[in-house]
């Protein structure tokens, strides 16, 4: 394993220290959703994966 692959780790957000990052992510998500970008045919796979993940977590109210 090269050293670059060990530099990044996925962690659970800490609301006290990651608030700005979480706000930016929310802002980006709102912008994407407002443009209906996911309706494009090229994002068919992403929509399917999102549906699968939301179904897995019990989020039935999400419309994609």
N, C-alpha and C. Protein backbone atom coordinates (compact mmCIF):
# COMPACT_ATOMS: atom_id res chain seq x y z
N UNK A 1 0.85 -1.17 0.00
CA UNK A 1 0.00 0.00 0.00
C UNK A 1 0.89 1.23 0.00
N UNK A 2 0.61 2.19 -0.92
CA UNK A 2 1.44 3.39 -0.95
C UNK A 2 1.00 4.36 0.14
N UNK A 3 1.86 5.31 0.47
CA UNK A 3 1.58 6.23 1.57
C UNK A 3 0.41 7.15 1.28
N UNK A 4 0.15 7.45 0.00
CA UNK A 4 -0.97 8.32 -0.34
C UNK A 4 -2.30 7.71 0.06
N UNK A 5 -2.42 6.41 -0.01
CA UNK A 5 -3.70 5.77 0.31
C UNK A 5 -3.97 5.74 1.81
N UNK A 6 -2.97 5.96 2.63
CA UNK A 6 -3.17 5.95 4.07
C UNK A 6 -3.35 7.36 4.63
N UNK A 7 -3.23 8.40 3.80
CA UNK A 7 -3.35 9.77 4.28
C UNK A 7 -4.80 10.19 4.54
N UNK A 8 -5.75 9.60 3.87
CA UNK A 8 -7.15 9.98 4.00
C UNK A 8 -7.94 8.86 4.66
N UNK A 9 -8.72 9.26 5.63
CA UNK A 9 -9.60 8.30 6.29
C UNK A 9 -10.99 8.90 6.37
N UNK A 10 -11.97 8.09 6.14
CA UNK A 10 -13.36 8.50 6.26
C UNK A 10 -13.75 8.41 7.72
N UNK A 11 -14.27 9.50 8.26
CA UNK A 11 -14.67 9.51 9.66
C UNK A 11 -16.07 10.10 9.78
N UNK A 12 -16.68 9.90 10.91
CA UNK A 12 -17.99 10.49 11.20
C UNK A 12 -17.76 11.94 11.58
N UNK A 13 -18.61 12.82 11.05
CA UNK A 13 -18.46 14.25 11.30
C UNK A 13 -18.63 14.58 12.78
N UNK A 14 -17.85 15.51 13.23
CA UNK A 14 -17.96 16.06 14.58
C UNK A 14 -18.62 17.42 14.43
N UNK A 15 -19.85 17.56 14.87
CA UNK A 15 -20.61 18.79 14.65
C UNK A 15 -19.89 20.03 15.18
N UNK A 16 -19.12 19.90 16.23
CA UNK A 16 -18.46 21.07 16.80
C UNK A 16 -17.27 21.54 15.97
N UNK A 17 -16.56 20.60 15.34
CA UNK A 17 -15.38 21.01 14.58
C UNK A 17 -15.58 20.98 13.07
N UNK A 18 -16.62 20.30 12.60
CA UNK A 18 -16.84 20.16 11.16
C UNK A 18 -18.05 20.93 10.64
N UNK A 19 -18.56 21.85 11.42
CA UNK A 19 -19.79 22.55 11.06
C UNK A 19 -19.67 23.29 9.73
N UNK A 20 -18.58 23.96 9.48
CA UNK A 20 -18.43 24.70 8.22
C UNK A 20 -18.40 23.77 7.02
N UNK A 21 -17.74 22.64 7.16
CA UNK A 21 -17.69 21.65 6.07
C UNK A 21 -19.08 21.08 5.82
N UNK A 22 -19.81 20.79 6.89
CA UNK A 22 -21.16 20.26 6.76
C UNK A 22 -22.09 21.28 6.11
N UNK A 23 -21.95 22.56 6.48
CA UNK A 23 -22.76 23.61 5.86
C UNK A 23 -22.47 23.73 4.37
N UNK A 24 -21.20 23.67 4.00
CA UNK A 24 -20.81 23.75 2.60
C UNK A 24 -21.36 22.56 1.82
N UNK A 25 -21.29 21.36 2.38
CA UNK A 25 -21.83 20.17 1.73
C UNK A 25 -23.33 20.30 1.54
N UNK A 26 -24.02 20.83 2.53
CA UNK A 26 -25.46 21.02 2.43
C UNK A 26 -25.79 22.05 1.35
N UNK A 27 -25.02 23.13 1.28
CA UNK A 27 -25.21 24.15 0.27
C UNK A 27 -25.02 23.58 -1.14
N UNK A 28 -23.99 22.77 -1.31
CA UNK A 28 -23.72 22.13 -2.61
C UNK A 28 -24.85 21.17 -2.98
N UNK A 29 -25.31 20.41 -2.02
CA UNK A 29 -26.40 19.46 -2.28
C UNK A 29 -27.67 20.20 -2.69
N UNK A 30 -27.96 21.31 -2.02
CA UNK A 30 -29.15 22.09 -2.38
C UNK A 30 -29.04 22.65 -3.80
N UNK A 31 -27.86 23.12 -4.15
CA UNK A 31 -27.65 23.66 -5.50
C UNK A 31 -27.86 22.57 -6.56
N UNK A 32 -27.30 21.40 -6.33
CA UNK A 32 -27.46 20.29 -7.26
C UNK A 32 -28.93 19.91 -7.40
N UNK A 33 -29.62 19.80 -6.27
CA UNK A 33 -31.02 19.38 -6.31
C UNK A 33 -31.90 20.45 -6.94
N UNK A 34 -31.58 21.72 -6.77
CA UNK A 34 -32.41 22.79 -7.34
C UNK A 34 -32.30 22.84 -8.86
N UNK A 35 -31.22 22.32 -9.40
CA UNK A 35 -31.02 22.32 -10.84
C UNK A 35 -31.53 21.04 -11.51
N UNK A 36 -32.08 20.13 -10.71
CA UNK A 36 -32.57 18.85 -11.22
C UNK A 36 -31.51 18.11 -12.03
N UNK A 37 -30.27 18.25 -11.64
CA UNK A 37 -29.16 17.62 -12.34
C UNK A 37 -29.32 16.11 -12.39
N UNK A 38 -29.85 15.54 -11.34
CA UNK A 38 -29.96 14.09 -11.27
C UNK A 38 -31.00 13.52 -12.23
N UNK A 39 -31.81 14.39 -12.84
CA UNK A 39 -32.79 13.92 -13.81
C UNK A 39 -32.14 13.52 -15.14
N UNK A 40 -30.91 13.98 -15.38
CA UNK A 40 -30.22 13.67 -16.63
C UNK A 40 -29.95 12.17 -16.73
N UNK A 41 -30.05 11.64 -17.93
CA UNK A 41 -29.85 10.21 -18.18
C UNK A 41 -28.48 9.74 -17.70
N UNK A 42 -27.49 10.60 -17.80
CA UNK A 42 -26.12 10.20 -17.42
C UNK A 42 -26.00 9.89 -15.93
N UNK A 43 -26.97 10.32 -15.13
CA UNK A 43 -26.94 10.06 -13.69
C UNK A 43 -27.88 8.94 -13.27
N UNK A 44 -28.33 8.14 -14.23
CA UNK A 44 -29.24 7.03 -13.95
C UNK A 44 -28.66 6.10 -12.88
N UNK A 45 -27.38 5.75 -13.00
CA UNK A 45 -26.73 4.86 -12.04
C UNK A 45 -26.66 5.47 -10.65
N UNK A 46 -26.37 6.76 -10.58
CA UNK A 46 -26.31 7.45 -9.29
C UNK A 46 -27.69 7.47 -8.64
N UNK A 47 -28.73 7.77 -9.43
CA UNK A 47 -30.09 7.75 -8.89
C UNK A 47 -30.44 6.37 -8.34
N UNK A 48 -30.09 5.34 -9.08
CA UNK A 48 -30.39 3.97 -8.63
C UNK A 48 -29.67 3.66 -7.32
N UNK A 49 -28.43 4.06 -7.23
CA UNK A 49 -27.66 3.81 -6.00
C UNK A 49 -28.24 4.59 -4.83
N UNK A 50 -28.64 5.82 -5.08
CA UNK A 50 -29.24 6.63 -4.01
C UNK A 50 -30.54 5.99 -3.54
N UNK A 51 -31.36 5.53 -4.48
CA UNK A 51 -32.61 4.85 -4.10
C UNK A 51 -32.31 3.61 -3.25
N UNK A 52 -31.29 2.85 -3.66
CA UNK A 52 -30.93 1.65 -2.92
C UNK A 52 -30.50 2.00 -1.50
N UNK A 53 -29.67 3.04 -1.37
CA UNK A 53 -29.19 3.42 -0.04
C UNK A 53 -30.31 3.97 0.83
N UNK A 54 -31.19 4.80 0.25
CA UNK A 54 -32.31 5.33 1.03
C UNK A 54 -33.25 4.22 1.44
N UNK A 55 -33.48 3.25 0.55
CA UNK A 55 -34.34 2.11 0.90
C UNK A 55 -33.73 1.30 2.04
N UNK A 56 -32.42 1.17 2.01
CA UNK A 56 -31.70 0.40 3.03
C UNK A 56 -31.83 1.06 4.40
N UNK A 57 -31.88 2.40 4.42
CA UNK A 57 -31.94 3.13 5.69
C UNK A 57 -33.38 3.44 6.12
N UNK A 58 -34.34 3.03 5.27
CA UNK A 58 -35.74 3.26 5.62
C UNK A 58 -36.25 4.64 5.32
N UNK A 59 -35.58 5.37 4.45
CA UNK A 59 -35.99 6.73 4.09
C UNK A 59 -36.93 6.68 2.88
N UNK A 60 -38.13 6.23 3.10
CA UNK A 60 -39.10 6.05 2.02
C UNK A 60 -39.66 7.36 1.48
N UNK A 61 -39.52 8.45 2.20
CA UNK A 61 -40.10 9.72 1.78
C UNK A 61 -39.24 10.47 0.77
N UNK A 62 -38.09 9.96 0.42
CA UNK A 62 -37.20 10.64 -0.51
C UNK A 62 -37.64 10.32 -1.93
N UNK A 63 -37.84 11.37 -2.73
CA UNK A 63 -38.26 11.19 -4.11
C UNK A 63 -37.07 11.50 -5.00
N UNK A 64 -36.66 10.50 -5.80
CA UNK A 64 -35.55 10.69 -6.73
C UNK A 64 -36.02 10.41 -8.13
